[in-house]
């Protein structure tokens, strides 16, 4: 069994690490002081394709599977457990639709996730 990461998995890991260092880390003080989740982080996660990582591209997901998702979670959580938890909860909610929803529900709700 091969336990090496694929090039695609390494790429999403590097992208998440860069995002966490460049976008999340500089806003940690703001998050703490204002007790809120900055729009810049939410929007940055959208721009970097970090929402929906494990889901198929036909639903506007990243198609990275759960290994790619876990790698991104790890890198983001190194900078902020709160941001990692936000990504985790979002992905968990979408998972219910992805795994148990009808095709109509998947096409309606997953692209927005």
C-alpha atoms as a PDB file:
ATOM      1  CA  UNK A   1       0.000   0.000   0.000  1.00  0.00           C
ATOM      2  CA  UNK A   2       1.328   3.412  -0.995  1.00  0.00           C
ATOM      3  CA  UNK A   3       1.067   6.065   1.713  1.00  0.00           C
ATOM      4  CA  UNK A   4       2.728   8.833  -0.297  1.00  0.00           C
ATOM      5  CA  UNK A   5       0.665  11.935  -0.966  1.00  0.00           C
ATOM      6  CA  UNK A   6      -0.293  12.576  -4.561  1.00  0.00           C
ATOM      7  CA  UNK A   7       0.852  15.756  -6.272  1.00  0.00           C
ATOM      8  CA  UNK A   8      -2.721  17.052  -6.074  1.00  0.00           C
ATOM      9  CA  UNK A   9      -2.873  16.380  -2.326  1.00  0.00           C
ATOM     10  CA  UNK A  10       0.449  18.119  -1.825  1.00  0.00           C
ATOM     11  CA  UNK A  11      -0.860  21.087  -3.813  1.00  0.00           C
ATOM     12  CA  UNK A  12      -3.985  21.560  -1.668  1.00  0.00           C
ATOM     13  CA  UNK A  13      -1.874  21.159   1.463  1.00  0.00           C
ATOM     14  CA  UNK A  14       0.492  23.899   0.255  1.00  0.00           C
ATOM     15  CA  UNK A  15      -2.417  26.138  -0.779  1.00  0.00           C
ATOM     16  CA  UNK A  16      -4.049  25.768   2.652  1.00  0.00           C
ATOM     17  CA  UNK A  17      -0.737  26.433   4.406  1.00  0.00           C
ATOM     18  CA  UNK A  18      -0.199  29.622   2.411  1.00  0.00           C
ATOM     19  CA  UNK A  19      -3.784  30.749   2.992  1.00  0.00           C
ATOM     20  CA  UNK A  20      -3.461  30.129   6.726  1.00  0.00           C
ATOM     21  CA  UNK A  21      -0.206  32.080   6.950  1.00  0.00           C
ATOM     22  CA  UNK A  22      -1.218  34.946   4.661  1.00  0.00           C
ATOM     23  CA  UNK A  23      -4.909  35.395   5.474  1.00  0.00           C
ATOM     24  CA  UNK A  24      -5.751  33.694   8.780  1.00  0.00           C
ATOM     25  CA  UNK A  25      -2.709  34.454  10.920  1.00  0.00           C
ATOM     26  CA  UNK A  26      -2.759  38.247  10.364  1.00  0.00           C
ATOM     27  CA  UNK A  27      -6.409  38.369  11.480  1.00  0.00           C
ATOM     28  CA  UNK A  28      -6.142  36.345  14.685  1.00  0.00           C
ATOM     29  CA  UNK A  29      -5.983  39.452  16.854  1.00  0.00           C
ATOM     30  CA  UNK A  30      -9.050  40.900  15.150  1.00  0.00           C
ATOM     31  CA  UNK A  31     -10.930  37.639  15.736  1.00  0.00           C
ATOM     32  CA  UNK A  32     -10.017  37.630  19.412  1.00  0.00           C
ATOM     33  CA  UNK A  33     -10.670  41.311  20.103  1.00  0.00           C
ATOM     34  CA  UNK A  34     -13.909  41.607  18.170  1.00  0.00           C
ATOM     35  CA  UNK A  35     -15.144  38.070  18.881  1.00  0.00           C
ATOM     36  CA  UNK A  36     -16.218  37.521  15.301  1.00  0.00           C
ATOM     37  CA  UNK A  37     -15.245  35.623  12.174  1.00  0.00           C
ATOM     38  CA  UNK A  38     -13.744  38.120   9.688  1.00  0.00           C
ATOM     39  CA  UNK A  39     -15.346  38.291   6.261  1.00  0.00           C
ATOM     40  CA  UNK A  40     -11.853  38.345   4.759  1.00  0.00           C
ATOM     41  CA  UNK A  41     -11.264  34.808   5.998  1.00  0.00           C
ATOM     42  CA  UNK A  42     -14.623  33.550   4.759  1.00  0.00           C
ATOM     43  CA  UNK A  43     -14.153  35.232   1.392  1.00  0.00           C
ATOM     44  CA  UNK A  44     -10.554  34.044   1.192  1.00  0.00           C
ATOM     45  CA  UNK A  45     -11.621  30.469   1.766  1.00  0.00           C
ATOM     46  CA  UNK A  46     -14.015  30.859  -1.158  1.00  0.00           C
ATOM     47  CA  UNK A  47     -11.363  32.421  -3.403  1.00  0.00           C
ATOM     48  CA  UNK A  48      -8.866  29.669  -2.559  1.00  0.00           C
ATOM     49  CA  UNK A  49     -11.396  26.881  -3.127  1.00  0.00           C
ATOM     50  CA  UNK A  50     -11.266  25.629   0.470  1.00  0.00           C
ATOM     51  CA  UNK A  51     -14.992  25.073   0.942  1.00  0.00           C
ATOM     52  CA  UNK A  52     -16.308  21.726  -0.282  1.00  0.00           C
ATOM     53  CA  UNK A  53     -12.890  20.143  -0.661  1.00  0.00           C
ATOM     54  CA  UNK A  54     -13.996  16.502  -0.458  1.00  0.00           C
ATOM     55  CA  UNK A  55     -16.972  16.794  -2.802  1.00  0.00           C
ATOM     56  CA  UNK A  56     -17.210  16.167  -6.518  1.00  0.00           C
ATOM     57  CA  UNK A  57     -16.637  18.958  -9.004  1.00  0.00           C
ATOM     58  CA  UNK A  58     -20.111  18.489 -10.461  1.00  0.00           C
ATOM     59  CA  UNK A  59     -21.405  20.100  -7.237  1.00  0.00           C
ATOM     60  CA  UNK A  60     -18.704  22.813  -7.334  1.00  0.00           C
ATOM     61  CA  UNK A  61     -16.614  20.913  -4.815  1.00  0.00           C
ATOM     62  CA  UNK A  62     -12.869  20.556  -4.960  1.00  0.00           C
ATOM     63  CA  UNK A  63     -12.839  16.820  -5.603  1.00  0.00           C
ATOM     64  CA  UNK A  64      -9.922  16.308  -3.204  1.00  0.00           C
ATOM     65  CA  UNK A  65     -11.563  13.578  -1.154  1.00  0.00           C
ATOM     66  CA  UNK A  66     -11.243  13.337   2.583  1.00  0.00           C
ATOM     67  CA  UNK A  67      -7.453  13.066   2.564  1.00  0.00           C
ATOM     68  CA  UNK A  68      -7.123  16.418   0.790  1.00  0.00           C
ATOM     69  CA  UNK A  69      -9.696  17.896   3.147  1.00  0.00           C
ATOM     70  CA  UNK A  70      -7.811  16.561   6.200  1.00  0.00           C
ATOM     71  CA  UNK A  71      -4.525  17.983   4.926  1.00  0.00           C
ATOM     72  CA  UNK A  72      -6.097  21.421   4.457  1.00  0.00           C
ATOM     73  CA  UNK A  73      -7.774  21.225   7.874  1.00  0.00           C
ATOM     74  CA  UNK A  74      -4.464  20.424   9.505  1.00  0.00           C
ATOM     75  CA  UNK A  75      -2.681  23.399   7.927  1.00  0.00           C
ATOM     76  CA  UNK A  76      -5.487  25.847   8.709  1.00  0.00           C
ATOM     77  CA  UNK A  77      -5.894  24.564  12.273  1.00  0.00           C
ATOM     78  CA  UNK A  78      -2.184  25.097  12.938  1.00  0.00           C
ATOM     79  CA  UNK A  79      -2.906  28.829  12.709  1.00  0.00           C
ATOM     80  CA  UNK A  80      -6.423  28.858  14.164  1.00  0.00           C
ATOM     81  CA  UNK A  81      -8.504  26.084  15.638  1.00  0.00           C
ATOM     82  CA  UNK A  82     -11.545  28.360  15.296  1.00  0.00           C
ATOM     83  CA  UNK A  83     -11.103  28.683  11.531  1.00  0.00           C
ATOM     84  CA  UNK A  84     -10.399  24.960  11.235  1.00  0.00           C
ATOM     85  CA  UNK A  85     -13.547  24.202  13.235  1.00  0.00           C
ATOM     86  CA  UNK A  86     -15.579  26.480  10.984  1.00  0.00           C
ATOM     87  CA  UNK A  87     -14.363  24.591   7.928  1.00  0.00           C
ATOM     88  CA  UNK A  88     -15.026  21.292   9.685  1.00  0.00           C
ATOM     89  CA  UNK A  89     -18.613  22.119  10.680  1.00  0.00           C
ATOM     90  CA  UNK A  90     -19.355  23.479   7.220  1.00  0.00           C
ATOM     91  CA  UNK A  91     -17.998  20.307   5.597  1.00  0.00           C
ATOM     92  CA  UNK A  92     -19.892  18.085   8.031  1.00  0.00           C
ATOM     93  CA  UNK A  93     -23.185  19.834   7.254  1.00  0.00           C
ATOM     94  CA  UNK A  94     -22.583  19.490   3.520  1.00  0.00           C
ATOM     95  CA  UNK A  95     -21.650  15.821   4.024  1.00  0.00           C
ATOM     96  CA  UNK A  96     -25.188  15.010   5.120  1.00  0.00           C
ATOM     97  CA  UNK A  97     -26.496  16.359   1.820  1.00  0.00           C
ATOM     98  CA  UNK A  98     -23.696  14.785  -0.237  1.00  0.00           C
ATOM     99  CA  UNK A  99     -24.103  11.304   1.217  1.00  0.00           C
ATOM    100  CA  UNK A 100     -27.820  11.150   1.958  1.00  0.00           C
ATOM    101  CA  UNK A 101     -29.525  13.807  -0.139  1.00  0.00           C
ATOM    102  CA  UNK A 102     -31.403  13.219  -3.328  1.00  0.00           C
ATOM    103  CA  UNK A 103     -29.780  14.252  -6.586  1.00  0.00           C
ATOM    104  CA  UNK A 104     -32.132  17.241  -6.679  1.00  0.00           C
ATOM    105  CA  UNK A 105     -31.048  18.323  -3.174  1.00  0.00           C
ATOM    106  CA  UNK A 106     -27.364  17.918  -4.059  1.00  0.00           C
ATOM    107  CA  UNK A 107     -27.698  20.066  -7.183  1.00  0.00           C
ATOM    108  CA  UNK A 108     -29.695  22.694  -5.294  1.00  0.00           C
ATOM    109  CA  UNK A 109     -27.705  23.041  -2.062  1.00  0.00           C
ATOM    110  CA  UNK A 110     -24.134  21.797  -2.532  1.00  0.00           C
ATOM    111  CA  UNK A 111     -22.964  24.428  -5.041  1.00  0.00           C
ATOM    112  CA  UNK A 112     -23.811  27.128  -2.488  1.00  0.00           C
ATOM    113  CA  UNK A 113     -21.805  25.268   0.147  1.00  0.00           C
END
